[in-house]
Amino acid sequence: MSENETAKTTAETTEQRKRLGKIVSVAIPVAALITGLLAVTITTRYPRTDDAEVFANFIGIVPQVDGPITHLAAQDNQFVKQGGLLFEIDCRPYQYALERARSEQSTLEGQIVDETRTIASEKSAVGAARASTDSAAASVDHAAAAVKQAEANVPKANAALASAQAELQYATSDLHRLEPLLAKQFVTVDQVDQARTKVKARQDSVDEARAQATQAEAQVVSARAEYEQAKAEARQSREKLAQSQHSVLTLEPYTAQREGKAAAISTAEYNLNNCRVYAPFDALVTNLTISQGAYARTGQQVFTLIDTRVWWVVANFRETQLKHIKPGMRADVYVLSRPNVRYHGVVDSIGHGVQPDSTQVGSLSTSLPDVQRSLNWVHLATRFPVRVRILATETEPFRLSESAVVVIRPGDSSGTQ
């Protein structure tokens, strides 16, 4: 090959390299731009974050009664079914308390029966006293009637006495008229004897009428005395009736105790039932640091139960991504312990607030805001928690607070809420 041809080939090669360099210099920015646009599009359309943790509800198991633990059925990190026995507390003191409460209730019911019988007897006494009062009142009425009758007899007796006295006076005057005529023989001896006999009869009638008048007045006095006595007896009967009525007992002091005794039994039964603690739901036992024989105290946590029925992922998304996330959207969840397993989820809710950054707004107090005198040249977007419910079975081996990655899938939303 001649030198001209070699030079020509070299020039062509150099020209090709220049064109290739220009193409590459243009293609690289274009590819970078396209890659950036695709990344932005994908990130915008499919928001994702690796700032996420698996979360579940958990509760602390706290005994309702005091006492030593006689049987510990649960073990640390054990799965327990709902209703499964966790531990037992010595129930003997609470069994004794229940028996004592039932005994006190039985004693109260016996007292109520005895008082019922006593009250029945006292009510019978009240009935007898009331009958005696009624009889005394009738006696008063009868005595009052007798007084009126006796007072009515007095005028009759006085009238009869006056009539007898008038007849005696007439007979005496007639005798005094006939006796002078006997000496002159104008009348016979028989006529004078008859007049004398008539005077004697009239005198006897006067004496009898006077006795009857005196007797009538005495009857009035006697009837009035009987009336006063009847009134006194009636007054005494009423006082006895009032006394018997006031002496009647009531069951209210005893029946009012029934609710208290029943409440004491219910409380004792409640405490006795709480000596056995059961799992309120399917859960995992964790943080169990006690053993059989430990003394359990009311209100002090023994261990923790993690609710395995529902698992969530709490994913922190930037505030610029929240407008692309709606409740009900589907999501893909990956946990770092099983990165090749994709779990389906659904967005349950989106957080509406987080703790303010003290370096941005200062610490808020009751006086004035404490604004820090510093300037941050780089402003990071705030992250808000998004709760994603994992659609998985209870048997999945999730762990509370394990790391996860969440990718939101737009499109058709899940109807499961």
Protein backbone atom coordinates (compact mmCIF):
# COMPACT_ATOMS: atom_id res chain seq x y z
CA MET A 1 0.00 0.00 0.00
CA SER A 2 1.33 3.34 -0.96
CA GLU A 3 1.86 6.23 1.35
CA ASN A 4 -1.06 8.09 -0.20
CA GLU A 5 -3.42 5.27 0.43
CA THR A 6 -2.16 4.90 4.02
CA ALA A 7 -2.67 8.57 4.68
CA LYS A 8 -6.09 8.40 3.14
CA THR A 9 -7.09 5.46 5.33
CA THR A 10 -5.75 7.20 8.41
CA ALA A 11 -7.72 10.31 7.61
CA GLU A 12 -10.92 8.33 7.15
CA THR A 13 -10.35 6.54 10.43
CA THR A 14 -9.79 9.82 12.23
CA GLU A 15 -12.92 11.27 10.65
CA GLN A 16 -14.96 8.27 11.75
CA ARG A 17 -13.62 8.59 15.26
CA LYS A 18 -14.59 12.24 15.35
CA ARG A 19 -18.09 11.46 14.11
CA LEU A 20 -18.36 8.63 16.66
CA GLY A 21 -17.16 10.96 19.41
CA LYS A 22 -19.76 13.52 18.44
CA ILE A 23 -22.45 10.86 18.38
CA VAL A 24 -21.38 9.51 21.77
CA SER A 25 -21.12 13.01 23.25
CA VAL A 26 -24.68 13.67 22.15
CA ALA A 27 -26.04 10.18 22.96
CA ILE A 28 -24.80 10.11 26.55
CA PRO A 29 -26.68 13.26 27.70
CA VAL A 30 -29.72 12.15 25.74
CA ALA A 31 -29.62 8.71 27.35
CA ALA A 32 -29.09 10.28 30.75
CA LEU A 33 -32.01 12.60 30.13
CA ILE A 34 -34.23 9.74 28.98
CA THR A 35 -33.14 7.62 31.91
CA GLY A 36 -33.86 10.49 34.30
CA LEU A 37 -37.25 11.09 32.73
CA LEU A 38 -38.08 7.39 32.97
CA ALA A 39 -36.94 7.31 36.58
CA VAL A 40 -39.00 10.37 37.42
CA THR A 41 -42.01 8.94 35.56
CA ILE A 42 -41.74 5.57 37.26
CA THR A 43 -41.11 7.13 40.66
CA THR A 44 -44.06 9.43 40.17
CA ARG A 45 -46.38 6.80 38.78
CA TYR A 46 -45.22 4.08 41.12
CA PRO A 47 -44.21 5.78 44.41
CA ARG A 48 -41.87 3.59 46.39
CA THR A 49 -39.84 3.82 49.57
CA ASP A 50 -37.50 1.63 51.53
CA ASP A 51 -38.14 3.69 54.67
CA ALA A 52 -40.80 1.28 55.93
CA GLU A 53 -41.30 -1.14 58.81
CA VAL A 54 -43.65 -4.02 59.44
CA PHE A 55 -46.10 -3.15 62.20
CA ALA A 56 -48.84 -4.93 64.16
CA ASN A 57 -50.99 -4.13 67.15
CA PHE A 58 -49.63 -5.30 70.47
CA ILE A 59 -50.81 -5.14 74.05
CA GLY A 60 -49.23 -5.62 77.42
CA ILE A 61 -50.68 -8.46 79.48
CA VAL A 62 -51.46 -7.01 82.90
CA PRO A 63 -53.03 -9.14 85.70
CA GLN A 64 -56.24 -7.92 87.29
CA VAL A 65 -55.49 -9.54 90.66
CA ASP A 66 -52.47 -9.95 92.89
CA GLY A 67 -50.85 -13.24 93.77
CA PRO A 68 -48.06 -15.70 92.98
CA ILE A 69 -48.09 -17.32 89.55
CA THR A 70 -48.78 -21.03 90.14
CA HIS A 71 -48.71 -22.09 86.48
CA LEU A 72 -47.05 -20.39 83.50
CA ALA A 73 -48.38 -21.90 80.28
CA ALA A 74 -46.98 -19.35 77.83
CA GLN A 75 -43.42 -19.34 76.56
CA ASP A 76 -41.43 -16.53 75.05
CA ASN A 77 -41.89 -16.18 71.24
CA GLN A 78 -44.67 -18.79 71.33
CA PHE A 79 -47.75 -18.54 69.12
CA VAL A 80 -50.96 -18.81 71.15
CA LYS A 81 -54.51 -19.17 69.89
CA GLN A 82 -57.37 -17.01 71.10
CA GLY A 83 -58.67 -18.37 74.40
CA GLY A 84 -55.46 -20.22 75.17
CA LEU A 85 -54.30 -20.22 78.79
CA LEU A 86 -51.36 -17.90 79.45
CA PHE A 87 -50.83 -18.22 83.20
CA GLU A 88 -52.63 -18.87 86.48
CA ILE A 89 -52.48 -16.94 89.75
CA ASP A 90 -53.07 -18.58 93.15
CA CYS A 91 -56.87 -18.51 93.39
CA ARG A 92 -57.34 -19.67 96.99
CA PRO A 93 -57.71 -16.21 98.60
CA TYR A 94 -60.27 -15.23 95.98
CA GLN A 95 -62.13 -18.54 96.38
CA TYR A 96 -62.35 -17.88 100.12
CA ALA A 97 -63.58 -14.34 99.45
CA LEU A 98 -66.31 -15.68 97.16
CA GLU A 99 -67.44 -18.23 99.75
CA ARG A 100 -67.51 -15.52 102.43
CA ALA A 101 -69.58 -13.23 100.20
CA ARG A 102 -72.06 -16.03 99.48
CA SER A 103 -72.27 -16.85 103.20
CA GLU A 104 -73.01 -13.22 104.04
CA GLN A 105 -75.74 -13.19 101.42
CA SER A 106 -77.29 -16.37 102.89
CA THR A 107 -77.15 -14.84 106.37
CA LEU A 108 -78.93 -11.75 105.10
CA GLU A 109 -81.67 -13.81 103.46
CA GLY A 110 -82.15 -15.72 106.76
CA GLN A 111 -82.48 -12.42 108.62
CA ILE A 112 -85.06 -11.27 106.09
CA VAL A 113 -87.10 -14.47 106.66
CA ASP A 114 -86.97 -14.02 110.46
CA GLU A 115 -87.92 -10.37 110.24
CA THR A 116 -90.78 -11.25 107.90
CA ARG A 117 -92.22 -13.58 110.53
CA THR A 118 -91.77 -10.97 113.26
CA ILE A 119 -93.46 -8.35 111.14
CA ALA A 120 -96.37 -10.70 110.45
CA SER A 121 -96.81 -11.20 114.21
CA GLU A 122 -96.64 -7.48 114.87
CA LYS A 123 -99.19 -6.83 112.14
CA SER A 124 -101.52 -9.33 113.81
CA ALA A 125 -101.11 -7.39 117.04
CA VAL A 126 -101.98 -4.22 115.15
CA GLY A 127 -105.12 -5.90 113.83
CA ALA A 128 -106.16 -6.93 117.33
CA ALA A 129 -105.50 -3.41 118.62
CA ARG A 130 -107.55 -1.95 115.79
CA ALA A 131 -110.44 -4.31 116.60
CA SER A 132 -110.22 -3.28 120.26
CA THR A 133 -110.26 0.37 119.20
CA ASP A 134 -113.35 -0.21 117.07
CA SER A 135 -115.06 -1.97 119.98
CA ALA A 136 -114.16 0.89 122.33
CA ALA A 137 -115.55 3.39 119.85
CA ALA A 138 -118.79 1.39 119.68
CA SER A 139 -118.93 1.38 123.47
CA VAL A 140 -118.55 5.15 123.48
CA ASP A 141 -121.44 5.48 121.07
CA HIS A 142 -123.54 3.11 123.17
CA ALA A 143 -122.72 5.03 126.35
CA ALA A 144 -123.58 8.32 124.67
CA ALA A 145 -126.94 6.89 123.63
CA ALA A 146 -127.55 5.65 127.18
CA VAL A 147 -126.79 9.14 128.52
CA LYS A 148 -129.29 10.67 126.14
CA GLN A 149 -131.90 8.09 127.08
CA ALA A 150 -131.30 8.66 130.80
CA GLU A 151 -131.52 12.42 130.38
CA ALA A 152 -134.77 11.96 128.45
CA ASN A 153 -136.26 9.88 131.35
CA VAL A 154 -135.68 12.64 133.93
CA PRO A 155 -138.34 15.05 132.53
CA LYS A 156 -140.82 12.18 132.31
CA ALA A 157 -140.19 11.20 135.93
CA ASN A 158 -140.49 14.82 137.06
CA ALA A 159 -143.73 15.18 135.12
CA ALA A 160 -145.11 12.01 136.71
CA LEU A 161 -144.08 13.32 140.17
CA ALA A 162 -145.80 16.66 139.52
CA SER A 163 -148.95 14.87 138.38
CA ALA A 164 -148.92 12.61 141.46
CA GLN A 165 -148.40 15.61 143.72
CA ALA A 166 -151.31 17.40 142.05
CA GLU A 167 -153.55 14.40 142.55
CA LEU A 168 -152.40 14.11 146.18
CA GLN A 169 -153.17 17.76 146.74
CA TYR A 170 -156.62 17.31 145.21
CA ALA A 171 -157.31 14.21 147.30
CA THR A 172 -156.10 15.97 150.46
CA SER A 173 -158.29 18.99 149.74
CA ASP A 174 -161.29 16.70 149.16
CA LEU A 175 -160.61 14.91 152.48
CA HIS A 176 -160.34 18.20 154.33
CA ARG A 177 -163.67 19.23 152.79
CA LEU A 178 -165.45 16.00 153.81
CA GLU A 179 -164.19 15.68 157.39
CA PRO A 180 -166.17 18.76 158.72
CA LEU A 181 -169.29 17.46 156.96
CA LEU A 182 -169.05 14.11 158.79
CA ALA A 183 -169.78 15.79 162.15
CA LYS A 184 -172.89 17.35 160.65
CA GLN A 185 -173.69 14.02 159.04
CA PHE A 186 -173.81 15.49 155.58
CA VAL A 187 -171.53 12.65 154.44
CA THR A 188 -171.15 9.12 155.56
CA VAL A 189 -168.23 7.51 157.29
CA ASP A 190 -167.60 5.41 154.21
CA GLN A 191 -167.20 8.47 152.09
CA VAL A 192 -164.66 9.92 154.52
CA ASP A 193 -162.79 6.58 154.66
CA GLN A 194 -162.73 6.41 150.91
CA ALA A 195 -161.32 9.94 150.77
CA ARG A 196 -158.68 9.03 153.34
CA THR A 197 -157.83 5.85 151.39
CA LYS A 198 -157.56 7.93 148.22
CA VAL A 199 -155.21 10.38 149.93
CA LYS A 200 -153.08 7.47 151.12
CA ALA A 201 -152.98 6.04 147.59
CA ARG A 202 -152.08 9.42 146.16
CA GLN A 203 -149.33 9.81 148.74
CA ASP A 204 -147.90 6.41 147.77
CA SER A 205 -148.00 7.47 144.12
CA VAL A 206 -146.14 10.67 144.96
CA ASP A 207 -143.49 8.72 146.87
CA GLU A 208 -143.15 6.26 143.99
CA ALA A 209 -142.91 9.07 141.40
CA ARG A 210 -140.36 10.87 143.57
CA ALA A 211 -138.31 7.65 143.78
CA GLN A 212 -138.52 7.21 140.01
CA ALA A 213 -137.41 10.81 139.45
CA THR A 214 -134.49 10.29 141.80
CA GLN A 215 -133.65 7.03 140.04
CA ALA A 216 -133.79 8.75 136.64
CA GLU A 217 -131.37 11.42 137.82
CA ALA A 218 -129.09 8.71 139.24
CA GLN A 219 -129.23 6.88 135.90
CA VAL A 220 -128.11 10.06 134.16
CA VAL A 221 -125.13 10.33 136.49
CA SER A 222 -124.33 6.64 136.02
CA ALA A 223 -124.70 6.87 132.21
CA ARG A 224 -122.40 9.90 132.12
CA ALA A 225 -119.84 8.05 134.21
CA GLU A 226 -120.05 5.06 131.88
CA TYR A 227 -119.68 7.41 128.91
CA GLU A 228 -116.52 8.97 130.36
CA GLN A 229 -115.17 5.50 131.10
CA ALA A 230 -115.93 4.36 127.53
CA LYS A 231 -114.15 7.44 126.16
CA ALA A 232 -111.14 6.71 128.38
CA GLU A 233 -111.07 3.11 127.19
CA ALA A 234 -111.36 4.25 123.57
CA ARG A 235 -108.49 6.70 124.08
CA GLN A 236 -106.40 3.93 125.64
CA SER A 237 -107.24 1.61 122.74
CA ARG A 238 -106.16 4.22 120.20
CA GLU A 239 -102.89 4.73 122.06
CA LYS A 240 -102.29 0.99 122.06
CA LEU A 241 -103.07 0.86 118.34
CA ALA A 242 -100.61 3.69 117.61
CA GLN A 243 -97.97 2.00 119.76
CA SER A 244 -98.45 -1.32 118.00
CA GLN A 245 -98.31 0.39 114.62
CA HIS A 246 -95.05 2.16 115.48
CA SER A 247 -93.55 -1.07 116.78
CA VAL A 248 -94.03 -2.83 113.44
CA LEU A 249 -90.58 -3.37 111.85
CA THR A 250 -89.76 -2.94 108.14
CA LEU A 251 -87.59 -4.98 105.81
CA GLU A 252 -86.00 -1.95 104.14
CA PRO A 253 -82.80 -2.02 106.25
CA TYR A 254 -82.28 -5.62 105.12
CA THR A 255 -83.55 -5.52 101.55
CA ALA A 256 -81.36 -2.46 100.91
CA GLN A 257 -78.34 -4.67 101.59
CA ARG A 258 -79.22 -7.18 98.88
CA GLU A 259 -77.63 -5.19 96.05
CA GLY A 260 -74.48 -4.71 98.10
CA LYS A 261 -74.21 -8.44 98.87
CA ALA A 262 -74.88 -9.34 95.23
CA ALA A 263 -72.23 -6.84 94.11
CA ALA A 264 -69.76 -8.37 96.58
CA ILE A 265 -70.43 -11.82 95.09
CA SER A 266 -70.02 -10.49 91.55
CA THR A 267 -66.74 -8.81 92.50
CA ALA A 268 -65.47 -11.99 94.15
CA GLU A 269 -66.44 -14.06 91.10
CA TYR A 270 -64.76 -11.50 88.81
CA ASN A 271 -61.54 -11.66 90.83
CA LEU A 272 -61.65 -15.46 90.92
CA ASN A 273 -62.15 -15.67 87.15
CA ASN A 274 -59.24 -13.27 86.61
CA CYS A 275 -56.89 -15.72 88.34
CA ARG A 276 -56.72 -17.51 84.99
CA VAL A 277 -55.49 -15.27 82.17
CA TYR A 278 -56.29 -16.24 78.58
CA ALA A 279 -55.16 -14.90 75.21
CA PRO A 280 -57.69 -12.36 73.90
CA PHE A 281 -56.73 -13.10 70.27
CA ASP A 282 -54.29 -15.08 68.15
CA ALA A 283 -50.93 -13.65 69.08
CA LEU A 284 -47.21 -14.09 69.58
CA VAL A 285 -45.78 -13.97 73.09
CA THR A 286 -42.77 -11.71 73.47
CA ASN A 287 -40.73 -10.05 76.19
CA LEU A 288 -41.55 -12.80 78.69
CA THR A 289 -39.04 -12.40 81.52
CA ILE A 290 -40.83 -14.06 84.44
CA SER A 291 -41.14 -17.62 85.63
CA GLN A 292 -43.53 -19.70 87.69
CA GLY A 293 -43.59 -18.55 91.30
CA ALA A 294 -43.17 -14.86 90.50
CA TYR A 295 -45.59 -12.54 92.28
CA ALA A 296 -47.95 -10.83 89.87
CA ARG A 297 -49.23 -7.41 90.84
CA THR A 298 -52.30 -5.65 89.57
CA GLY A 299 -51.47 -3.12 86.86
CA GLN A 300 -47.90 -4.31 86.31
CA GLN A 301 -47.17 -5.74 82.84
CA VAL A 302 -46.03 -9.35 82.73
CA PHE A 303 -45.26 -9.73 79.01
CA THR A 304 -46.45 -8.56 75.58
CA LEU A 305 -48.77 -10.10 72.99
CA ILE A 306 -48.39 -9.20 69.31
CA ASP A 307 -51.69 -9.39 67.41
CA THR A 308 -51.02 -11.58 64.36
CA ARG A 309 -54.48 -11.23 62.83
CA VAL A 310 -53.58 -8.10 60.86
CA TRP A 311 -50.15 -6.87 59.77
CA TRP A 312 -49.33 -3.42 58.42
CA VAL A 313 -46.39 -1.73 56.88
CA VAL A 314 -45.87 1.84 57.98
CA ALA A 315 -44.10 3.41 55.00
CA ASN A 316 -42.71 6.95 55.12
CA PHE A 317 -43.23 8.74 51.79
CA ARG A 318 -42.02 12.19 50.85
CA GLU A 319 -44.65 14.88 50.98
CA THR A 320 -44.25 15.40 47.21
CA GLN A 321 -45.39 11.80 46.62
CA LEU A 322 -48.54 11.91 48.74
CA LYS A 323 -50.68 13.42 45.97
CA HIS A 324 -50.15 10.19 43.99
CA ILE A 325 -51.25 7.95 46.88
CA LYS A 326 -54.90 7.38 47.79
CA PRO A 327 -56.55 5.04 50.32
CA GLY A 328 -57.61 1.84 48.62
CA MET A 329 -54.68 1.70 46.19
CA ARG A 330 -52.89 -1.59 45.82
CA ALA A 331 -49.30 -1.93 46.93
CA ASP A 332 -46.44 -4.40 46.70
CA VAL A 333 -44.58 -5.12 49.92
CA TYR A 334 -41.14 -6.70 50.21
CA VAL A 335 -39.52 -7.49 53.55
CA LEU A 336 -35.75 -7.61 53.71
CA SER A 337 -35.71 -11.03 55.34
CA ARG A 338 -37.49 -12.45 52.25
CA PRO A 339 -36.68 -10.02 49.41
CA ASN A 340 -37.83 -12.41 46.69
CA VAL A 341 -41.35 -12.75 48.13
CA ARG A 342 -43.87 -10.16 47.05
CA TYR A 343 -46.80 -9.53 49.36
CA HIS A 344 -49.91 -7.77 48.21
CA GLY A 345 -51.24 -4.91 50.26
CA VAL A 346 -53.75 -2.10 50.22
CA VAL A 347 -53.35 1.48 51.40
CA ASP A 348 -55.46 1.97 54.52
CA SER A 349 -54.69 5.54 55.45
CA ILE A 350 -52.27 8.41 55.01
CA GLY A 351 -50.84 10.34 57.92
CA HIS A 352 -51.79 13.98 58.42
CA GLY A 353 -49.07 15.12 60.78
CA VAL A 354 -45.58 14.47 62.11
CA GLN A 355 -43.45 16.01 64.82
CA PRO A 356 -42.17 19.42 63.64
CA ASP A 357 -38.46 19.69 62.96
CA SER A 358 -36.99 21.81 65.75
CA THR A 359 -34.17 22.95 63.47
CA GLN A 360 -36.75 24.47 61.11
CA VAL A 361 -39.42 25.99 63.35
CA GLY A 362 -37.74 25.90 66.72
CA SER A 363 -39.25 24.51 69.88
CA LEU A 364 -42.81 25.65 70.46
CA SER A 365 -43.58 26.75 74.01
CA THR A 366 -46.30 28.57 75.88
CA SER A 367 -44.50 31.91 75.49
CA LEU A 368 -42.79 32.64 72.16
CA PRO A 369 -41.39 30.38 69.41
CA ASP A 370 -37.71 29.62 69.88
CA VAL A 371 -36.42 30.17 66.32
CA GLN A 372 -32.92 28.84 65.75
CA ARG A 373 -30.54 31.35 64.14
CA SER A 374 -29.24 29.02 61.48
CA LEU A 375 -29.77 28.61 57.79
CA ASN A 376 -30.14 25.25 56.07
CA TRP A 377 -29.02 25.49 52.45
CA VAL A 378 -30.52 22.09 51.62
CA HIS A 379 -34.20 21.69 52.44
CA LEU A 380 -35.30 18.06 52.70
CA ALA A 381 -38.88 17.05 52.03
CA THR A 382 -40.85 15.97 55.07
CA ARG A 383 -41.91 12.32 55.16
CA PHE A 384 -45.39 11.29 56.22
CA PRO A 385 -46.41 7.76 57.30
CA VAL A 386 -48.67 5.77 55.01
CA ARG A 387 -50.29 2.68 56.48
CA VAL A 388 -50.46 -0.29 54.10
CA ARG A 389 -52.36 -3.37 55.22
CA ILE A 390 -50.70 -6.61 54.13
CA LEU A 391 -53.09 -9.08 52.52
CA ALA A 392 -51.49 -12.23 53.90
CA THR A 393 -52.47 -15.13 56.12
CA GLU A 394 -51.87 -15.16 59.86
CA THR A 395 -49.24 -17.86 59.46
CA GLU A 396 -46.82 -15.61 57.56
CA PRO A 397 -43.59 -15.26 59.59
CA PHE A 398 -43.65 -11.48 59.95
CA ARG A 399 -41.74 -9.77 62.72
CA LEU A 400 -42.64 -6.48 64.28
CA SER A 401 -40.46 -3.57 63.08
CA GLU A 402 -38.60 -5.53 60.40
CA SER A 403 -37.53 -3.43 57.42
CA ALA A 404 -39.62 -3.39 54.26
CA VAL A 405 -39.91 -1.82 50.82
CA VAL A 406 -43.27 -0.58 49.58
CA VAL A 407 -44.26 0.15 45.99
CA ILE A 408 -47.64 1.78 45.32
CA ARG A 409 -49.51 0.40 42.32
CA PRO A 410 -51.89 2.93 40.74
CA GLY A 411 -54.86 1.93 38.68
CA ASP A 412 -57.84 -0.06 39.96
CA SER A 413 -58.24 0.33 43.70
CA SER A 414 -58.99 -2.51 46.03
CA GLY A 415 -62.46 -2.57 47.55
CA THR A 416 -61.11 -4.09 50.71
CA GLN A 417 -60.97 -1.48 53.44
